């Protein structure tokens, strides 16, 4: 199997060890319920850590999906404001926070593109957030990243960012992605407020409105995986990755190995990609988990580990 294509379609990187550690500490995987034997990596998401794992597993391409939430960053910054500020001072500080958030998402996305240009095996998918870049600014930023910085796609995380996948504020961004023929990888799963922002059914209106847009519904629906098959059968422009969920098949809310493999078969194994969700999980373990699934043929598993991503993402 050493000569087969291997692609990790879902990886996170951070600019420093401190940034990665902070992100991991602040992000809890809760939706699958309890499981006692989760395989977790000690990595924090630096470029060097990823490159070592890619070399060890013969991964030729890793798709770097930028995780950024204006909502979360704004909440942290506002909570740190001194209590004794006047209304005028508070208004100015809030304006400064909003400006910093806009600068931060742009800086993070440019870093992703720059580091990917320096490492040919990395493929940059940039964060889009209408709470950071309101109105037409989000779509304009995505266009700039694709046309001038070689971004290969867009990453969304409605549950973390605080907006619905079919929020029409995203329509201009979807239109730009469809026009430029760049795919979207979007987190899917429940949110703590039960708003359903990123559950599979939340993708329905956007998939219908933009039929030429390639949308990867990550984690096969996560904790909302029971909704996934209907979306797959209804919208042929929906694709999937099995990252994270494949590590939780012995959990109280996740599918079993048998159920996960059957879901992949029912969707169509050619529409599903392997992703590690590094630095939450290791690349080698994610590959092993795919090959350990029942029901799927060896050829189907090999395609999930590589060739599918090449075709779906246009790598």
Protein backbone atom coordinates (compact mmCIF):
# COMPACT_ATOMS: atom_id res chain seq x y z
CA UNK A 1 0.00 0.00 0.00
CA UNK A 2 3.02 2.28 0.06
CA UNK A 3 2.37 3.44 -3.52
CA UNK A 4 -1.27 4.43 -3.00
CA UNK A 5 -2.30 8.08 -2.73
CA UNK A 6 -2.73 9.22 0.85
CA UNK A 7 -4.39 12.54 1.71
CA UNK A 8 -5.44 13.94 5.06
CA UNK A 9 -8.48 16.05 4.18
CA UNK A 10 -8.96 17.73 7.57
CA UNK A 11 -6.06 19.18 9.59
CA UNK A 12 -5.68 22.23 11.84
CA UNK A 13 -2.44 24.18 12.25
CA UNK A 14 -1.53 27.03 14.57
CA UNK A 15 1.14 29.70 14.38
CA UNK A 16 2.76 28.89 17.73
CA UNK A 17 2.71 26.10 20.30
CA UNK A 18 0.98 28.47 22.71
CA UNK A 19 -1.79 29.25 20.23
CA UNK A 20 -2.37 25.57 19.52
CA UNK A 21 -2.40 24.66 23.21
CA UNK A 22 -4.89 27.42 23.97
CA UNK A 23 -7.15 26.34 21.12
CA UNK A 24 -7.15 22.70 22.21
CA UNK A 25 -7.84 23.59 25.84
CA UNK A 26 -10.74 25.82 24.83
CA UNK A 27 -12.43 23.35 22.48
CA UNK A 28 -14.26 20.42 24.05
CA UNK A 29 -15.51 17.47 21.98
CA UNK A 30 -18.74 16.76 23.86
CA UNK A 31 -21.40 15.75 21.34
CA UNK A 32 -20.62 12.01 21.23
CA UNK A 33 -21.19 11.54 24.94
CA UNK A 34 -18.80 9.36 26.90
CA UNK A 35 -16.09 6.97 25.76
CA UNK A 36 -13.28 5.73 27.94
CA UNK A 37 -10.60 4.87 25.39
CA UNK A 38 -10.30 7.88 23.07
CA UNK A 39 -7.00 8.02 21.22
CA UNK A 40 -5.66 11.55 21.62
CA UNK A 41 -2.43 13.06 20.34
CA UNK A 42 -0.05 15.10 22.46
CA UNK A 43 0.63 17.39 19.49
CA UNK A 44 -0.57 20.99 19.60
CA UNK A 45 -0.73 21.72 15.88
CA UNK A 46 2.61 23.14 14.81
CA UNK A 47 3.80 22.81 11.23
CA UNK A 48 6.83 20.75 12.26
CA UNK A 49 4.68 18.26 14.17
CA UNK A 50 2.42 17.77 11.16
CA UNK A 51 5.28 17.36 8.70
CA UNK A 52 6.81 14.63 10.88
CA UNK A 53 3.51 12.73 10.92
CA UNK A 54 3.00 13.19 7.17
CA UNK A 55 6.45 11.74 6.49
CA UNK A 56 5.83 8.77 8.79
CA UNK A 57 2.49 7.91 7.18
CA UNK A 58 3.33 8.71 3.52
CA UNK A 59 0.64 11.39 3.45
CA UNK A 60 1.39 13.46 0.35
CA UNK A 61 -1.19 16.23 0.95
CA UNK A 62 -2.79 17.64 4.09
CA UNK A 63 -5.68 20.09 3.86
CA UNK A 64 -5.24 22.83 6.46
CA UNK A 65 -8.66 24.05 7.59
CA UNK A 66 -8.44 27.31 9.55
CA UNK A 67 -10.58 27.34 12.68
CA UNK A 68 -11.53 30.90 13.69
CA UNK A 69 -14.52 32.26 15.60
CA UNK A 70 -15.19 35.98 15.92
CA UNK A 71 -17.92 35.14 18.43
CA UNK A 72 -15.58 33.27 20.78
CA UNK A 73 -12.72 35.76 20.43
CA UNK A 74 -15.09 38.67 21.04
CA UNK A 75 -16.53 37.02 24.16
CA UNK A 76 -13.05 36.50 25.60
CA UNK A 77 -11.95 40.05 24.83
CA UNK A 78 -15.12 41.64 26.21
CA UNK A 79 -14.91 39.58 29.42
CA UNK A 80 -11.39 40.96 29.99
CA UNK A 81 -12.49 44.63 29.83
CA UNK A 82 -12.12 46.61 33.10
CA UNK A 83 -15.42 47.08 34.90
CA UNK A 84 -14.87 50.79 35.61
CA UNK A 85 -14.94 51.94 31.97
CA UNK A 86 -17.30 54.76 31.05
CA UNK A 87 -19.85 54.12 28.29
CA UNK A 88 -17.72 56.16 25.89
CA UNK A 89 -14.58 54.25 26.81
CA UNK A 90 -16.39 50.93 26.54
CA UNK A 91 -17.72 51.86 23.10
CA UNK A 92 -14.20 52.65 21.91
CA UNK A 93 -12.82 49.41 23.36
CA UNK A 94 -15.55 47.41 21.61
CA UNK A 95 -14.73 49.12 18.32
CA UNK A 96 -11.06 48.29 18.89
CA UNK A 97 -11.97 44.64 19.59
CA UNK A 98 -13.97 44.40 16.36
CA UNK A 99 -11.10 45.90 14.38
CA UNK A 100 -8.64 43.47 16.01
CA UNK A 101 -10.90 40.52 15.14
CA UNK A 102 -11.05 41.60 11.48
CA UNK A 103 -7.27 41.94 11.39
CA UNK A 104 -6.79 38.61 13.16
CA UNK A 105 -8.84 36.47 10.77
CA UNK A 106 -7.11 38.08 7.78
CA UNK A 107 -3.68 37.57 9.36
CA UNK A 108 -4.42 33.94 10.26
CA UNK A 109 -5.66 33.17 6.76
CA UNK A 110 -2.65 34.80 5.13
CA UNK A 111 -0.35 32.82 7.40
CA UNK A 112 -2.10 29.60 6.33
CA UNK A 113 -1.56 30.46 2.67
CA UNK A 114 2.05 31.56 3.23
CA UNK A 115 3.02 28.42 5.15
CA UNK A 116 1.38 26.27 2.48
CA UNK A 117 3.39 27.97 -0.25
CA UNK A 118 6.53 27.07 1.70
CA UNK A 119 5.45 23.42 2.01
CA UNK A 120 4.08 21.87 -1.17
CA UNK A 121 2.24 19.14 0.72
CA UNK A 122 -0.01 21.60 2.56
CA UNK A 123 -3.28 22.81 1.04
CA UNK A 124 -4.79 25.98 2.60
CA UNK A 125 -8.52 26.28 3.31
CA UNK A 126 -9.19 29.70 4.84
CA UNK A 127 -11.68 30.62 7.55
CA UNK A 128 -14.78 32.58 6.57
CA UNK A 129 -16.75 34.32 9.32
CA UNK A 130 -19.54 36.82 8.67
CA UNK A 131 -19.38 37.85 12.33
CA UNK A 132 -15.80 39.03 11.75
CA UNK A 133 -16.21 40.38 8.22
CA UNK A 134 -19.85 41.53 7.86
CA UNK A 135 -21.74 42.47 4.73
CA UNK A 136 -19.74 41.98 1.51
CA UNK A 137 -16.40 41.92 3.34
CA UNK A 138 -16.39 38.16 3.91
CA UNK A 139 -16.93 37.34 0.24
CA UNK A 140 -14.35 39.96 -0.79
CA UNK A 141 -11.80 38.45 1.59
CA UNK A 142 -12.40 34.93 0.28
CA UNK A 143 -11.97 36.12 -3.29
CA UNK A 144 -8.72 37.86 -2.36
CA UNK A 145 -7.40 34.75 -0.61
CA UNK A 146 -8.19 32.54 -3.60
CA UNK A 147 -7.10 34.86 -6.39
CA UNK A 148 -4.05 36.46 -4.76
CA UNK A 149 -2.88 34.04 -2.04
CA UNK A 150 -3.61 30.62 -3.57
CA UNK A 151 -6.24 29.51 -1.06
CA UNK A 152 -7.74 26.22 -2.26
CA UNK A 153 -11.03 26.39 -0.35
CA UNK A 154 -13.00 27.72 2.59
CA UNK A 155 -13.58 26.40 6.11
CA UNK A 156 -16.77 27.06 8.12
CA UNK A 157 -17.75 25.99 11.63
CA UNK A 158 -21.28 27.20 12.34
CA UNK A 159 -21.51 25.65 15.81
CA UNK A 160 -18.30 27.38 16.94
CA UNK A 161 -18.76 30.57 14.92
CA UNK A 162 -22.40 31.06 15.85
CA UNK A 163 -24.27 31.15 12.56
CA UNK A 164 -26.45 28.78 10.55
CA UNK A 165 -25.03 27.15 7.43
CA UNK A 166 -28.02 28.46 5.48
CA UNK A 167 -27.73 31.99 6.93
CA UNK A 168 -28.23 34.23 3.90
CA UNK A 169 -25.43 36.51 5.09
CA UNK A 170 -23.23 33.70 3.72
CA UNK A 171 -24.84 33.77 0.27
CA UNK A 172 -22.23 36.15 -1.25
CA UNK A 173 -19.43 33.94 0.08
CA UNK A 174 -21.09 30.82 -1.34
CA UNK A 175 -21.55 32.60 -4.66
CA UNK A 176 -17.85 33.49 -4.81
CA UNK A 177 -16.85 29.90 -4.00
CA UNK A 178 -19.20 28.53 -6.65
CA UNK A 179 -17.94 31.06 -9.21
CA UNK A 180 -14.28 30.30 -8.47
CA UNK A 181 -14.95 26.53 -8.26
CA UNK A 182 -13.39 26.21 -4.80
CA UNK A 183 -14.92 23.77 -2.29
CA UNK A 184 -16.09 24.38 1.25
CA UNK A 185 -15.30 22.14 4.20
CA UNK A 186 -17.80 22.77 6.99
CA UNK A 187 -18.03 21.32 10.47
CA UNK A 188 -21.23 19.42 11.11
CA UNK A 189 -22.77 18.39 14.40
CA UNK A 190 -24.95 19.76 17.19
CA UNK A 191 -24.27 22.91 19.18
CA UNK A 192 -24.67 23.37 22.93
CA UNK A 193 -27.60 25.78 22.52
CA UNK A 194 -29.50 23.25 20.36
CA UNK A 195 -29.89 25.80 17.56
CA UNK A 196 -28.90 23.27 14.92
CA UNK A 197 -26.59 25.72 13.13
CA UNK A 198 -24.30 22.99 11.77
CA UNK A 199 -26.43 19.87 11.87
CA UNK A 200 -26.66 18.15 8.46
CA UNK A 201 -30.21 19.41 7.85
CA UNK A 202 -28.92 23.01 8.22
CA UNK A 203 -27.05 22.57 4.94
CA UNK A 204 -30.17 21.87 2.90
CA UNK A 205 -31.07 25.37 1.72
CA UNK A 206 -27.53 26.32 0.80
CA UNK A 207 -26.95 23.06 -1.09
CA UNK A 208 -30.16 23.66 -3.05
CA UNK A 209 -29.39 27.33 -3.72
CA UNK A 210 -25.84 26.61 -4.94
CA UNK A 211 -26.02 23.29 -6.80
CA UNK A 212 -22.56 23.66 -8.38
CA UNK A 213 -20.88 24.34 -5.04
CA UNK A 214 -18.92 21.39 -3.64
CA UNK A 215 -19.63 21.21 0.10
CA UNK A 216 -17.88 18.78 2.42
CA UNK A 217 -20.02 18.08 5.47
CA UNK A 218 -17.31 17.17 7.95
CA UNK A 219 -17.47 14.41 10.55
CA UNK A 220 -20.36 12.74 8.65
CA UNK A 221 -22.69 14.83 10.78
CA UNK A 222 -20.88 14.24 14.08
CA UNK A 223 -23.32 13.75 16.93
CA UNK A 224 -26.14 14.42 14.43
CA UNK A 225 -25.03 11.58 12.16
CA UNK A 226 -28.57 10.14 11.94
CA UNK A 227 -29.51 13.13 9.70
CA UNK A 228 -26.65 12.63 7.25
CA UNK A 229 -27.97 10.01 4.84
CA UNK A 230 -31.07 12.00 3.90
CA UNK A 231 -28.93 15.05 3.03
CA UNK A 232 -26.55 12.86 1.01
CA UNK A 233 -29.40 11.29 -0.95
CA UNK A 234 -31.08 14.64 -1.62
CA UNK A 235 -28.06 16.74 -2.64
CA UNK A 236 -25.42 15.28 -4.98
CA UNK A 237 -23.13 18.28 -4.36
CA UNK A 238 -22.69 17.20 -0.72
CA UNK A 239 -19.55 15.28 0.19
CA UNK A 240 -18.23 14.10 3.54
CA UNK A 241 -15.22 13.32 5.68
CA UNK A 242 -15.14 10.76 8.47
CA UNK A 243 -12.69 12.54 10.74
CA UNK A 244 -13.35 12.67 14.49
CA UNK A 245 -16.52 10.55 14.32
CA UNK A 246 -14.38 7.51 13.45
CA UNK A 247 -12.61 7.89 16.80
CA UNK A 248 -15.91 7.85 18.73
CA UNK A 249 -17.52 4.60 17.58
CA UNK A 250 -17.57 3.21 21.11
CA UNK A 251 -19.29 6.27 22.58
CA UNK A 252 -22.80 6.67 23.93
CA UNK A 253 -24.00 8.95 21.09
CA UNK A 254 -21.77 7.95 18.19
CA UNK A 255 -22.34 5.18 15.63
CA UNK A 256 -20.75 1.78 16.05
CA UNK A 257 -18.11 0.67 13.55
CA UNK A 258 -20.84 -1.31 11.79
CA UNK A 259 -23.22 1.66 11.66
CA UNK A 260 -20.49 4.01 10.45
CA UNK A 261 -19.41 1.64 7.70
CA UNK A 262 -23.02 1.11 6.63
CA UNK A 263 -23.57 4.89 6.52
CA UNK A 264 -20.53 5.27 4.27
CA UNK A 265 -21.78 2.46 2.02
CA UNK A 266 -25.25 3.99 1.80
CA UNK A 267 -23.88 7.45 0.98
CA UNK A 268 -21.40 6.03 -1.51
CA UNK A 269 -17.78 5.38 -0.46
CA UNK A 270 -16.56 7.60 -3.31
CA UNK A 271 -18.10 10.64 -1.56
CA UNK A 272 -16.26 10.18 1.77
CA UNK A 273 -12.70 11.23 2.66
CA UNK A 274 -10.34 10.44 5.52
CA UNK A 275 -9.34 13.27 7.85
CA UNK A 276 -7.41 13.13 11.10
CA UNK A 277 -8.60 16.37 12.73
CA UNK A 278 -4.97 16.81 13.79
CA UNK A 279 -3.92 17.97 16.40
CA UNK A 280 -6.79 16.27 18.18
CA UNK A 281 -5.89 12.86 16.71
CA UNK A 282 -2.82 11.33 15.02
CA UNK A 283 -2.62 10.70 11.28
CA UNK A 284 -1.50 7.07 11.57
CA UNK A 285 -4.34 6.20 13.93
CA UNK A 286 -6.92 7.79 11.60
CA UNK A 287 -5.61 5.73 8.69
CA UNK A 288 -5.70 2.55 10.77
CA UNK A 289 -9.27 3.28 11.84
CA UNK A 290 -10.43 3.54 8.22
CA UNK A 291 -8.81 0.20 7.35
CA UNK A 292 -10.37 -1.43 10.41
CA UNK A 293 -13.96 -0.66 9.35
CA UNK A 294 -16.16 -3.62 8.36
CA UNK A 295 -18.30 -3.93 5.19
CA UNK A 296 -16.08 -1.76 2.97
CA UNK A 297 -13.76 -3.32 0.41
CA UNK A 298 -9.99 -2.80 0.47
CA UNK A 299 -10.25 -0.68 -2.68
CA UNK A 300 -12.97 1.51 -1.14
CA UNK A 301 -10.87 2.05 1.98
CA UNK A 302 -7.82 2.96 -0.08
CA UNK A 303 -9.85 5.55 -1.97
CA UNK A 304 -11.23 7.01 1.27
CA UNK A 305 -7.65 7.41 2.51
CA UNK A 306 -6.55 9.32 -0.58
CA UNK A 307 -7.96 9.28 -4.08
CA UNK A 308 -11.42 10.54 -3.10
CA UNK A 309 -9.93 13.75 -1.68
CA UNK A 310 -7.94 14.34 -4.85
CA UNK A 311 -11.14 14.21 -6.91
CA UNK A 312 -13.55 15.94 -4.50
CA UNK A 313 -11.22 18.79 -3.56
CA UNK A 314 -9.50 19.13 -6.91
CA UNK A 315 -6.03 18.53 -5.49
